Amino acid sequence: MKETPLMPRATAVWLVENTTISFKQIAEFCNLHELEVQGIADGDVAKGIKAYNPILAGQLTREEIEEASKDTSKTLQLNKKLIEVGSKEKKRPKYTPISKRQDRPDAILWLVKNYPELSDGQIGKLVGSTKGTISLIRNRSYWNFLNLVAKDPVAINLCSQLDLLNAVKKAKRKVELAQKKIKKENKNINTTLNNENS
């Protein structure tokens, strides 16, 4: 079975928007039908899917994209070595380049709006910010709140799509566990009340 990149449709969206590679090459690389790639280009398919940069994800090199743009018969190859490395490294505190730091509040606003179940700690890990700043933005009391524009942290390269998906899964699990606990407590209270009344 052919290996496909992480999030093939989102990768195809990025390749359509940012390169001059043929639809056939994109379709082969992302393991999609050529008509589906044509639909992405026309805006009929993959509406609302955020573009996923395969260069930043280590799945393709800029050089390979440039070569494929010049030679339409060239097949793009998935760069497997870089994909496997990431998780084995020891996690270090997230460093955000100075040029990206001004985007953090915008990314926090986007996360708070789209994934309210994420804790301040999780958002802090994703975008490299403090709980205090996140709390101020969540409460709309951040000093520059009116000028913030919600921006997807994946699109502005503050975190990876995989990190975001994992954080959301974890947050949803926590919410589900909390709801189960409340249901169980309510059931116990009702049982106790019923026993007292009978």
Protein backbone atom coordinates (compact mmCIF):
# COMPACT_ATOMS: atom_id res chain seq x y z
CA MET A 1 0.00 0.00 0.00
CA LYS A 2 1.29 3.45 -0.95
CA GLU A 3 2.36 5.62 1.98
CA THR A 4 0.46 8.89 2.13
CA PRO A 5 1.39 12.13 3.90
CA LEU A 6 -0.27 13.11 7.18
CA MET A 7 -3.62 14.73 6.41
CA PRO A 8 -3.53 14.18 2.62
CA ARG A 9 -6.41 16.57 1.76
CA ALA A 10 -4.97 19.41 3.86
CA THR A 11 -1.56 18.76 2.25
CA ALA A 12 -3.17 18.83 -1.21
CA VAL A 13 -4.84 22.17 -0.34
CA TRP A 14 -1.41 23.63 0.56
CA LEU A 15 0.25 22.25 -2.58
CA VAL A 16 -2.54 23.63 -4.81
CA GLU A 17 -2.36 27.08 -3.16
CA ASN A 18 1.43 27.41 -2.88
CA THR A 19 3.05 25.54 -5.77
CA THR A 20 2.84 25.14 -9.55
CA ILE A 21 2.97 21.32 -9.37
CA SER A 22 0.49 19.56 -11.67
CA PHE A 23 -2.77 18.18 -10.29
CA LYS A 24 -1.63 14.69 -11.34
CA GLN A 25 1.58 14.98 -9.24
CA ILE A 26 -0.38 16.27 -6.23
CA ALA A 27 -2.97 13.50 -6.63
CA GLU A 28 -0.26 10.81 -6.75
CA PHE A 29 1.61 12.20 -3.74
CA CYS A 30 -1.53 12.62 -1.58
CA ASN A 31 -3.12 9.38 -2.86
CA LEU A 32 -6.21 11.25 -4.09
CA HIS A 33 -8.03 11.20 -7.44
CA GLU A 34 -6.88 13.85 -9.91
CA LEU A 35 -10.47 15.18 -10.17
CA GLU A 36 -10.53 15.66 -6.39
CA VAL A 37 -7.38 17.82 -6.64
CA GLN A 38 -9.05 19.74 -9.51
CA GLY A 39 -12.06 20.24 -7.19
CA ILE A 40 -9.78 21.56 -4.44
CA ALA A 41 -8.32 24.08 -6.91
CA ASP A 42 -11.82 25.14 -8.02
CA GLY A 43 -12.96 25.50 -4.41
CA ASP A 44 -15.63 22.78 -4.72
CA VAL A 45 -13.82 20.20 -2.57
CA ALA A 46 -12.18 20.51 0.88
CA LYS A 47 -13.98 23.72 1.85
CA GLY A 48 -12.98 24.73 5.37
CA ILE A 49 -9.94 22.43 5.44
CA LYS A 50 -6.86 24.33 6.65
CA ALA A 51 -3.83 23.97 4.40
CA TYR A 52 -1.10 21.75 5.92
CA ASN A 53 2.47 22.65 4.97
CA PRO A 54 4.34 19.42 4.04
CA ILE A 55 7.72 21.23 4.14
CA LEU A 56 7.30 22.27 7.78
CA ALA A 57 5.96 18.80 8.58
CA GLY A 58 9.14 17.30 7.09
CA GLN A 59 7.25 15.32 4.46
CA LEU A 60 8.70 17.14 1.43
CA THR A 61 11.70 19.36 0.74
CA ARG A 62 11.50 22.73 -0.98
CA GLU A 63 14.05 21.46 -3.54
CA GLU A 64 11.86 18.50 -4.44
CA ILE A 65 8.84 20.79 -4.94
CA GLU A 66 10.92 23.08 -7.19
CA GLU A 67 12.16 20.11 -9.26
CA ALA A 68 8.61 18.76 -9.63
CA SER A 69 7.39 22.21 -10.72
CA LYS A 70 9.92 22.16 -13.57
CA ASP A 71 9.41 18.51 -14.54
CA THR A 72 5.76 17.35 -14.61
CA SER A 73 6.81 13.69 -15.02
CA LYS A 74 8.63 13.73 -11.63
CA THR A 75 6.86 11.88 -8.82
CA LEU A 76 7.01 13.47 -5.36
CA GLN A 77 8.46 11.16 -2.69
CA LEU A 78 7.34 11.17 0.94
CA ASN A 79 10.32 12.00 3.17
CA LYS A 80 9.89 9.24 5.79
CA LYS A 81 13.07 9.82 7.79
CA LEU A 82 12.00 13.22 9.12
CA ILE A 83 8.51 12.05 10.04
CA GLU A 84 9.74 9.31 12.35
CA VAL A 85 12.23 11.46 14.29
CA GLY A 86 10.04 14.00 16.16
CA SER A 87 8.59 11.93 19.01
CA LYS A 88 11.90 10.40 20.14
CA GLU A 89 13.47 13.73 21.07
CA LYS A 90 13.13 14.91 24.64
CA LYS A 91 10.62 17.75 24.90
CA ARG A 92 12.20 21.13 25.58
CA PRO A 93 10.38 24.36 26.39
CA LYS A 94 8.81 25.73 23.22
CA TYR A 95 10.87 28.51 21.64
CA THR A 96 8.93 30.98 19.54
CA PRO A 97 10.92 33.25 17.19
CA ILE A 98 10.59 36.98 17.89
CA SER A 99 8.81 37.52 14.56
CA LYS A 100 6.07 35.05 15.60
CA ARG A 101 5.59 36.27 19.18
CA GLN A 102 3.16 39.01 18.18
CA ASP A 103 0.94 36.29 16.63
CA ARG A 104 0.55 34.39 19.91
CA PRO A 105 -2.39 36.42 21.31
CA ASP A 106 -4.22 36.01 17.96
CA ALA A 107 -3.60 32.24 18.09
CA ILE A 108 -4.79 32.09 21.71
CA LEU A 109 -8.02 33.89 20.73
CA TRP A 110 -8.57 31.38 17.89
CA LEU A 111 -8.03 28.40 20.22
CA VAL A 112 -10.32 29.85 22.93
CA LYS A 113 -13.08 30.45 20.33
CA ASN A 114 -12.77 27.13 18.49
CA TYR A 115 -11.78 24.79 21.33
CA PRO A 116 -13.13 26.22 24.62
CA GLU A 117 -12.55 22.81 26.24
CA LEU A 118 -8.75 23.30 26.06
CA SER A 119 -7.25 24.28 29.41
CA ASP A 120 -5.03 27.37 29.77
CA GLY A 121 -2.09 25.02 30.34
CA GLN A 122 -2.73 23.14 27.09
CA ILE A 123 -3.05 26.36 25.09
CA GLY A 124 0.15 27.64 26.74
CA LYS A 125 2.03 24.51 25.61
CA LEU A 126 0.68 24.75 22.05
CA VAL A 127 1.57 28.41 21.40
CA GLY A 128 4.29 29.00 24.00
CA SER A 129 2.48 31.53 26.18
CA THR A 130 1.72 32.03 29.88
CA LYS A 131 -1.46 31.00 31.66
CA GLY A 132 -1.92 34.62 32.77
CA THR A 133 -2.05 35.93 29.19
CA ILE A 134 -4.42 33.13 28.14
CA SER A 135 -6.72 33.82 31.09
CA LEU A 136 -6.85 37.54 30.24
CA ILE A 137 -7.75 36.80 26.61
CA ARG A 138 -10.37 34.22 27.68
CA ASN A 139 -11.93 36.82 30.02
CA ARG A 140 -11.68 39.56 27.33
CA SER A 141 -9.59 41.73 29.67
CA TYR A 142 -6.31 41.52 27.68
CA TRP A 143 -4.85 45.02 27.17
CA ASN A 144 -5.05 44.80 23.36
CA PHE A 145 -8.14 42.58 23.09
CA LEU A 146 -10.06 44.80 20.63
CA ASN A 147 -7.20 44.62 18.11
CA LEU A 148 -6.81 40.84 18.21
CA VAL A 149 -7.68 38.84 15.09
CA ALA A 150 -8.24 35.11 15.62
CA LYS A 151 -5.59 33.15 13.67
CA ASP A 152 -5.20 29.38 13.39
CA PRO A 153 -1.91 28.52 15.22
CA VAL A 154 -1.23 25.72 12.72
CA ALA A 155 -1.56 28.09 9.75
CA ILE A 156 0.88 30.58 11.33
CA ASN A 157 3.27 27.77 12.34
CA LEU A 158 3.04 28.16 16.12
CA CYS A 159 2.18 24.47 16.57
CA SER A 160 1.66 21.37 14.46
CA GLN A 161 -1.75 19.99 13.46
CA LEU A 162 -0.85 16.75 15.27
CA ASP A 163 -0.11 18.56 18.56
CA LEU A 164 -3.39 20.45 18.27
CA LEU A 165 -5.42 17.30 17.54
CA ASN A 166 -3.81 15.46 20.47
CA ALA A 167 -4.51 18.36 22.86
CA VAL A 168 -8.16 18.55 21.74
CA LYS A 169 -8.62 14.77 22.16
CA LYS A 170 -7.16 14.95 25.66
CA ALA A 171 -9.39 17.93 26.59
CA LYS A 172 -12.52 16.21 25.26
CA ARG A 173 -11.69 13.09 27.29
CA LYS A 174 -11.39 15.23 30.44
CA VAL A 175 -14.77 16.88 29.75
CA GLU A 176 -16.43 13.48 29.18
CA LEU A 177 -14.97 12.09 32.42
CA ALA A 178 -16.16 15.16 34.35
CA GLN A 179 -19.68 14.78 32.89
CA LYS A 180 -19.78 11.08 33.80
CA LYS A 181 -18.71 11.91 37.35
CA ILE A 182 -21.48 14.53 37.68
CA LYS A 183 -24.09 12.09 36.30
CA LYS A 184 -22.94 9.43 38.77
CA GLU A 185 -23.11 11.90 41.70
CA ASN A 186 -26.61 13.05 40.64
CA LYS A 187 -27.76 9.43 40.36
CA ASN A 188 -26.43 8.75 43.87
CA ILE A 189 -28.20 11.85 45.24
CA ASN A 190 -31.49 10.83 43.56
CA THR A 191 -31.18 7.28 44.90
CA THR A 192 -30.55 8.62 48.42
CA LEU A 193 -33.54 11.01 48.18
CA ASN A 194 -35.81 8.24 46.87
CA ASN A 195 -34.74 5.92 49.71
CA GLU A 196 -35.45 8.65 52.28
CA ASN A 197 -38.89 9.40 50.80
CA SER A 198 -40.01 5.76 50.69
